[in-house]
N, C-alpha and C. Protein backbone atom coordinates (compact mmCIF):
# COMPACT_ATOMS: atom_id res chain seq x y z
N VAL A 1 69.96 -137.63 20.98
CA VAL A 1 70.13 -137.37 19.87
C VAL A 1 69.57 -138.39 18.94
N GLN A 2 69.00 -138.12 18.15
CA GLN A 2 68.04 -138.94 17.35
C GLN A 2 68.68 -138.89 15.75
N LEU A 3 69.17 -139.87 15.27
CA LEU A 3 69.94 -139.95 13.75
C LEU A 3 69.10 -140.65 13.01
N GLN A 4 69.41 -140.02 11.74
CA GLN A 4 68.45 -140.83 10.69
C GLN A 4 69.32 -141.11 9.23
N ALA A 5 69.78 -141.81 9.29
CA ALA A 5 70.46 -142.17 7.84
C ALA A 5 69.77 -142.52 6.57
N SER A 6 70.28 -142.01 5.69
CA SER A 6 69.34 -142.18 4.39
C SER A 6 70.65 -142.00 2.88
N GLY A 7 70.06 -142.55 2.04
CA GLY A 7 71.06 -142.37 0.70
C GLY A 7 71.47 -143.89 0.30
N GLY A 8 71.07 -144.64 0.89
CA GLY A 8 71.54 -146.23 0.33
C GLY A 8 70.85 -146.45 -1.10
N GLY A 9 71.18 -147.54 -1.38
CA GLY A 9 70.58 -148.11 -2.70
C GLY A 9 71.41 -149.09 -3.27
N LEU A 10 71.01 -149.43 -4.66
CA LEU A 10 71.57 -150.42 -5.31
C LEU A 10 72.20 -149.91 -6.61
N VAL A 11 73.52 -149.66 -6.82
CA VAL A 11 74.47 -149.45 -7.61
C VAL A 11 75.69 -150.40 -8.18
N GLN A 12 76.63 -150.10 -9.20
CA GLN A 12 77.19 -150.69 -9.66
C GLN A 12 78.72 -150.70 -9.71
N ALA A 13 79.47 -151.67 -9.51
CA ALA A 13 81.02 -151.12 -9.10
C ALA A 13 81.43 -150.06 -9.87
N GLY A 14 81.72 -149.17 -8.86
CA GLY A 14 82.69 -147.84 -9.74
C GLY A 14 81.91 -146.97 -9.50
N ASP A 15 80.46 -147.31 -9.42
CA ASP A 15 79.66 -145.86 -9.20
C ASP A 15 79.94 -145.24 -7.48
N SER A 16 79.26 -144.04 -7.76
CA SER A 16 79.22 -143.16 -6.31
C SER A 16 78.07 -143.10 -5.81
N LEU A 17 78.03 -142.93 -4.59
CA LEU A 17 76.77 -142.72 -3.61
C LEU A 17 77.20 -141.97 -2.47
N THR A 18 76.23 -140.97 -1.96
CA THR A 18 76.48 -140.40 -0.80
C THR A 18 75.40 -140.55 0.24
N LEU A 19 75.70 -140.98 1.38
CA LEU A 19 75.11 -141.42 2.88
C LEU A 19 74.70 -139.88 3.52
N SER A 20 73.50 -140.04 3.85
CA SER A 20 73.16 -138.65 4.91
C SER A 20 72.88 -139.37 6.25
N CYS A 21 73.39 -138.53 7.32
CA CYS A 21 73.06 -138.86 8.78
C CYS A 21 72.26 -137.45 8.95
N ALA A 22 71.56 -137.59 9.28
CA ALA A 22 70.50 -136.17 9.93
C ALA A 22 70.19 -136.12 11.11
N ALA A 23 70.36 -135.31 12.12
CA ALA A 23 70.22 -135.55 13.66
C ALA A 23 69.16 -134.59 14.00
N SER A 24 68.63 -134.68 15.09
CA SER A 24 67.73 -133.76 15.61
C SER A 24 67.77 -134.01 17.30
N GLY A 25 67.30 -133.28 17.76
CA GLY A 25 67.31 -133.08 19.30
C GLY A 25 68.47 -132.41 20.03
N ARG A 26 69.89 -132.68 19.38
CA ARG A 26 71.06 -132.00 19.56
C ARG A 26 71.69 -131.35 18.42
N THR A 27 72.99 -130.82 18.91
CA THR A 27 73.78 -130.17 17.86
C THR A 27 74.80 -130.97 17.57
N LEU A 28 74.63 -131.81 16.38
CA LEU A 28 75.39 -132.92 15.88
C LEU A 28 77.05 -132.17 15.99
N SER A 29 77.17 -131.34 16.04
CA SER A 29 78.64 -130.68 15.65
C SER A 29 79.48 -130.99 17.31
N THR A 30 78.77 -130.72 18.02
CA THR A 30 79.21 -131.35 19.52
C THR A 30 79.87 -132.66 19.46
N TYR A 31 79.48 -133.64 18.85
CA TYR A 31 79.72 -135.04 19.05
C TYR A 31 80.47 -135.38 17.72
N ASN A 32 81.41 -136.39 18.58
CA ASN A 32 82.19 -137.40 17.24
C ASN A 32 80.88 -137.93 16.30
N VAL A 33 81.32 -138.30 15.19
CA VAL A 33 80.28 -138.83 14.18
C VAL A 33 81.06 -140.01 13.28
N ALA A 34 80.18 -141.37 13.39
CA ALA A 34 80.98 -142.16 12.41
C ALA A 34 80.23 -142.81 11.81
N TRP A 35 80.64 -143.41 11.06
CA TRP A 35 79.71 -144.54 9.87
C TRP A 35 80.61 -145.95 10.04
N PHE A 36 79.58 -146.89 10.50
CA PHE A 36 79.99 -148.35 10.74
C PHE A 36 78.98 -149.04 9.63
N ARG A 37 79.56 -149.95 9.32
CA ARG A 37 78.91 -150.97 8.22
C ARG A 37 78.49 -152.43 8.83
N GLN A 38 77.97 -153.29 8.05
CA GLN A 38 77.85 -154.42 8.65
C GLN A 38 77.23 -155.35 7.34
N ASN A 39 77.80 -156.56 7.16
CA ASN A 39 77.06 -157.26 6.32
C ASN A 39 76.80 -158.78 6.79
N PRO A 40 76.27 -159.68 6.27
CA PRO A 40 75.93 -160.77 6.94
C PRO A 40 77.19 -161.79 7.55
N ARG A 41 78.28 -161.67 6.41
CA ARG A 41 79.43 -162.09 6.84
C ARG A 41 80.57 -161.95 7.89
N LYS A 42 80.41 -160.50 8.32
CA LYS A 42 81.14 -160.11 9.05
C LYS A 42 80.75 -159.00 10.26
N GLU A 43 81.30 -158.70 11.28
CA GLU A 43 80.91 -158.04 12.34
C GLU A 43 80.99 -156.76 11.79
N ARG A 44 79.97 -155.75 12.43
CA ARG A 44 80.14 -154.59 12.27
C ARG A 44 81.24 -153.97 12.35
N GLU A 45 81.79 -152.81 11.36
CA GLU A 45 83.11 -152.38 11.43
C GLU A 45 83.33 -150.69 11.29
N PHE A 46 84.12 -150.16 11.72
CA PHE A 46 84.09 -148.92 11.37
C PHE A 46 84.28 -148.53 9.88
N VAL A 47 83.95 -147.38 9.82
CA VAL A 47 84.41 -147.06 8.05
C VAL A 47 85.05 -145.78 8.02
N ALA A 48 84.35 -144.66 8.74
CA ALA A 48 85.03 -143.28 8.85
C ALA A 48 84.61 -142.52 9.90
N GLY A 49 84.98 -141.63 9.95
CA GLY A 49 84.62 -140.91 11.79
C GLY A 49 84.96 -139.57 11.35
N ILE A 50 84.41 -138.58 11.94
CA ILE A 50 84.68 -137.19 12.09
C ILE A 50 84.40 -136.48 13.52
N ALA A 51 85.82 -135.87 14.19
CA ALA A 51 85.57 -135.58 15.02
C ALA A 51 84.77 -134.08 15.46
N GLY A 52 83.91 -133.96 16.68
CA GLY A 52 83.33 -133.01 16.99
C GLY A 52 83.64 -131.87 17.94
N SER A 53 83.19 -131.03 18.14
CA SER A 53 83.77 -129.75 19.40
C SER A 53 84.10 -130.36 20.77
N VAL A 54 83.37 -131.76 21.20
CA VAL A 54 83.83 -132.43 22.17
C VAL A 54 85.12 -133.04 22.16
N SER A 55 86.10 -133.15 20.96
CA SER A 55 87.38 -133.48 20.85
C SER A 55 88.06 -132.42 20.63
N HIS A 56 89.41 -132.41 21.20
CA HIS A 56 90.48 -131.20 20.80
C HIS A 56 90.81 -131.32 19.22
N SER A 57 90.38 -132.15 18.64
CA SER A 57 90.65 -132.24 16.98
C SER A 57 89.37 -132.08 16.39
N MET A 58 88.78 -131.37 16.35
CA MET A 58 87.33 -130.99 15.95
C MET A 58 87.55 -130.98 14.19
N GLY A 59 86.66 -131.72 13.69
CA GLY A 59 86.67 -131.62 12.09
C GLY A 59 87.80 -133.04 11.45
N GLN A 60 88.53 -133.39 12.31
CA GLN A 60 89.66 -134.42 11.76
C GLN A 60 88.98 -135.80 11.46
N ALA A 61 89.36 -136.24 10.61
CA ALA A 61 88.85 -137.39 9.91
C ALA A 61 89.64 -138.51 10.28
N ASN A 62 88.86 -139.97 10.24
CA ASN A 62 89.71 -141.26 10.21
C ASN A 62 89.09 -142.07 9.23
N TYR A 63 89.54 -142.80 8.59
CA TYR A 63 88.95 -143.55 7.98
C TYR A 63 89.58 -145.25 7.91
N ALA A 64 89.05 -146.10 7.81
CA ALA A 64 89.02 -147.58 7.76
C ALA A 64 90.27 -147.62 6.45
N ASP A 65 91.41 -148.48 6.53
CA ASP A 65 91.96 -148.66 5.30
C ASP A 65 91.51 -149.26 4.08
N SER A 66 90.31 -149.81 4.40
CA SER A 66 89.96 -150.59 3.10
C SER A 66 88.83 -149.29 2.43
N VAL A 67 88.87 -148.12 2.65
CA VAL A 67 87.98 -147.23 1.97
C VAL A 67 88.67 -145.78 1.77
N LYS A 68 90.05 -145.48 2.20
CA LYS A 68 90.83 -144.75 2.19
C LYS A 68 91.15 -144.15 0.70
N GLY A 69 90.98 -142.94 0.73
CA GLY A 69 91.02 -142.60 -0.68
C GLY A 69 89.89 -142.68 -1.65
N ARG A 70 88.59 -143.56 -1.18
CA ARG A 70 87.74 -143.40 -1.71
C ARG A 70 86.47 -142.71 -1.19
N PHE A 71 86.55 -142.83 0.15
CA PHE A 71 85.30 -142.20 0.88
C PHE A 71 85.77 -140.99 1.51
N THR A 72 84.96 -140.33 1.74
CA THR A 72 84.80 -138.73 2.25
C THR A 72 83.77 -138.67 3.36
N ILE A 73 84.13 -138.36 4.64
CA ILE A 73 83.35 -138.31 5.54
C ILE A 73 83.12 -136.56 5.67
N SER A 74 82.31 -135.81 6.04
CA SER A 74 82.17 -134.28 5.87
C SER A 74 80.68 -134.03 6.72
N ARG A 75 80.89 -132.94 7.25
CA ARG A 75 79.92 -132.35 8.11
C ARG A 75 79.11 -131.11 7.13
N ASP A 76 77.76 -130.78 7.62
CA ASP A 76 77.20 -129.60 7.42
C ASP A 76 76.54 -129.01 8.69
N ASN A 77 77.02 -128.17 9.52
CA ASN A 77 76.61 -128.07 10.52
C ASN A 77 75.02 -127.22 10.65
N ALA A 78 75.18 -126.39 9.54
CA ALA A 78 73.91 -125.64 9.20
C ALA A 78 72.43 -126.59 9.14
N LYS A 79 73.20 -127.81 8.61
CA LYS A 79 71.79 -128.74 8.43
C LYS A 79 72.18 -129.68 9.41
N ASN A 80 72.63 -129.64 10.36
CA ASN A 80 73.15 -130.57 11.31
C ASN A 80 73.08 -132.20 11.15
N SER A 81 74.05 -132.11 10.22
CA SER A 81 74.01 -133.74 9.45
C SER A 81 75.45 -133.82 8.87
N VAL A 82 75.57 -135.19 8.98
CA VAL A 82 77.15 -135.51 8.42
C VAL A 82 76.82 -136.62 7.45
N TYR A 83 77.84 -136.31 6.35
CA TYR A 83 77.89 -137.19 4.99
C TYR A 83 78.73 -138.05 4.82
N LEU A 84 78.55 -139.21 4.07
CA LEU A 84 79.45 -140.02 3.41
C LEU A 84 79.63 -140.02 2.14
N GLN A 85 80.62 -139.42 1.31
CA GLN A 85 80.41 -139.34 0.02
C GLN A 85 81.38 -140.94 -0.11
N MET A 86 80.95 -141.90 -0.79
CA MET A 86 81.42 -142.92 -1.32
C MET A 86 81.69 -143.17 -2.90
N ASN A 87 82.91 -143.26 -3.01
CA ASN A 87 83.40 -143.14 -4.59
C ASN A 87 83.95 -144.69 -5.35
N ASN A 88 84.07 -145.07 -6.50
CA ASN A 88 84.70 -146.07 -6.66
C ASN A 88 84.37 -147.17 -5.83
N LEU A 89 82.83 -147.36 -5.74
CA LEU A 89 82.37 -148.52 -4.84
C LEU A 89 82.69 -150.03 -5.39
N LYS A 90 82.97 -150.66 -4.40
CA LYS A 90 83.06 -151.99 -4.70
C LYS A 90 82.19 -153.10 -4.43
N HIS A 91 82.50 -154.44 -4.78
CA HIS A 91 81.37 -155.41 -4.49
C HIS A 91 81.29 -155.58 -2.53
N ASP A 92 82.61 -155.18 -2.30
CA ASP A 92 82.99 -155.38 -1.14
C ASP A 92 82.50 -154.41 -0.17
N ASP A 93 81.92 -153.14 -0.74
CA ASP A 93 81.53 -152.28 0.28
C ASP A 93 79.72 -152.38 0.47
N THR A 94 79.48 -153.68 0.01
CA THR A 94 77.82 -153.77 0.11
C THR A 94 77.81 -154.08 1.58
N ALA A 95 76.69 -153.43 2.14
CA ALA A 95 76.41 -154.03 3.49
C ALA A 95 75.52 -152.84 4.18
N VAL A 96 74.79 -153.02 5.11
CA VAL A 96 74.06 -151.85 5.96
C VAL A 96 74.79 -150.70 6.63
N TYR A 97 74.65 -149.70 6.64
CA TYR A 97 75.59 -148.54 6.51
C TYR A 97 74.76 -147.77 7.73
N TYR A 98 75.28 -147.53 8.91
CA TYR A 98 75.13 -146.93 10.29
C TYR A 98 75.77 -145.60 10.60
N CYS A 99 74.94 -144.87 11.30
CA CYS A 99 75.56 -143.63 11.43
C CYS A 99 75.73 -143.63 13.35
N ALA A 100 76.51 -142.92 13.69
CA ALA A 100 76.64 -142.91 15.13
C ALA A 100 77.17 -141.84 15.40
N ALA A 101 76.84 -141.22 16.80
CA ALA A 101 77.26 -139.94 17.52
C ALA A 101 77.98 -140.52 19.00
N GLY A 102 78.74 -139.72 19.45
CA GLY A 102 79.19 -139.90 20.67
C GLY A 102 80.20 -139.09 21.22
N SER A 103 80.36 -139.13 22.53
CA SER A 103 81.40 -138.10 22.74
C SER A 103 82.74 -138.61 23.63
N SER A 104 82.94 -139.95 23.48
CA SER A 104 83.86 -140.81 24.08
C SER A 104 85.30 -140.38 22.95
N ARG A 105 86.39 -140.81 23.88
CA ARG A 105 87.77 -140.72 22.85
C ARG A 105 87.90 -142.13 22.05
N ASP A 106 87.17 -143.17 22.27
CA ASP A 106 87.24 -144.34 21.66
C ASP A 106 86.56 -144.22 20.17
N THR A 107 87.06 -143.61 19.68
CA THR A 107 86.19 -143.04 18.41
C THR A 107 86.57 -144.31 17.21
N LEU A 108 86.98 -145.17 17.53
CA LEU A 108 87.21 -146.78 16.28
C LEU A 108 86.25 -147.33 16.37
N ARG A 109 85.74 -147.54 17.84
CA ARG A 109 84.97 -149.01 18.23
C ARG A 109 83.51 -148.63 18.14
N GLU A 110 82.52 -149.39 18.10
CA GLU A 110 81.26 -149.43 18.36
C GLU A 110 80.79 -148.98 19.89
N SER A 111 81.87 -149.07 20.70
CA SER A 111 81.80 -148.77 22.19
C SER A 111 81.90 -147.17 22.60
N GLY A 112 82.24 -146.50 21.42
CA GLY A 112 82.73 -145.11 21.83
C GLY A 112 81.31 -144.13 21.38
N TYR A 113 80.44 -144.82 20.97
CA TYR A 113 79.44 -144.14 20.25
C TYR A 113 77.99 -144.75 21.13
N VAL A 114 76.95 -143.52 21.45
CA VAL A 114 75.90 -143.95 22.38
C VAL A 114 74.68 -143.88 21.69
N TYR A 115 74.53 -142.76 20.35
CA TYR A 115 73.72 -142.57 19.53
C TYR A 115 73.75 -143.26 18.36
N TRP A 116 72.49 -143.86 17.86
CA TRP A 116 72.84 -144.90 16.31
C TRP A 116 71.48 -144.65 15.73
N GLY A 117 71.62 -144.52 14.33
CA GLY A 117 70.18 -144.41 13.66
C GLY A 117 70.21 -145.95 13.14
N HIS A 118 68.99 -146.12 12.55
CA HIS A 118 68.77 -147.25 11.85
C HIS A 118 69.83 -147.06 10.36
N GLY A 119 69.95 -148.25 9.68
CA GLY A 119 71.13 -148.37 8.89
C GLY A 119 70.48 -147.85 7.64
N THR A 120 71.14 -147.75 6.56
CA THR A 120 70.73 -147.83 5.50
C THR A 120 71.49 -148.78 4.61
N HIS A 121 70.69 -149.50 3.68
CA HIS A 121 71.27 -150.51 2.87
C HIS A 121 71.99 -149.83 1.41
N VAL A 122 73.25 -150.62 1.19
CA VAL A 122 73.93 -150.14 0.08
C VAL A 122 74.38 -151.75 -0.48
N THR A 123 74.07 -151.85 -1.62
CA THR A 123 74.12 -152.81 -2.48
C THR A 123 74.82 -152.62 -3.72
N VAL A 124 76.21 -152.82 -3.93
CA VAL A 124 77.11 -152.68 -4.75
C VAL A 124 77.18 -154.18 -5.78
N SER A 125 76.68 -153.90 -7.20
CA SER A 125 76.59 -155.06 -8.11
C SER A 125 77.81 -155.27 -8.78
N SER A 126 78.50 -156.17 -8.97
CA SER A 126 79.77 -156.43 -9.63
C SER A 126 79.48 -156.75 -10.91
């Protein structure tokens, strides 16, 4: 699976942004898909994930506590894509965001994902 993340940019605190993760080569709905992020001060961290048909809970979404209520992950199977809608952005959301796909049960950690896209930068000015 080749993943292409896009949609990053420079926004102000309180603004919204939608990231896209487009897949090619395989059917993305088969896989668990997640968004991770990394800024220079932290290790890469899980942001949100959505289960694929490989899971017994297809469509179930999970979120990091820091983004619950503000971010929403979703799929568009017709476009073979996953999205991350980010609302009420905060300065601490500034990071490079990566989408990843995999079939492991370990959906909250990087080790659970085999396929990774290049990151897209999100900068939130305060």
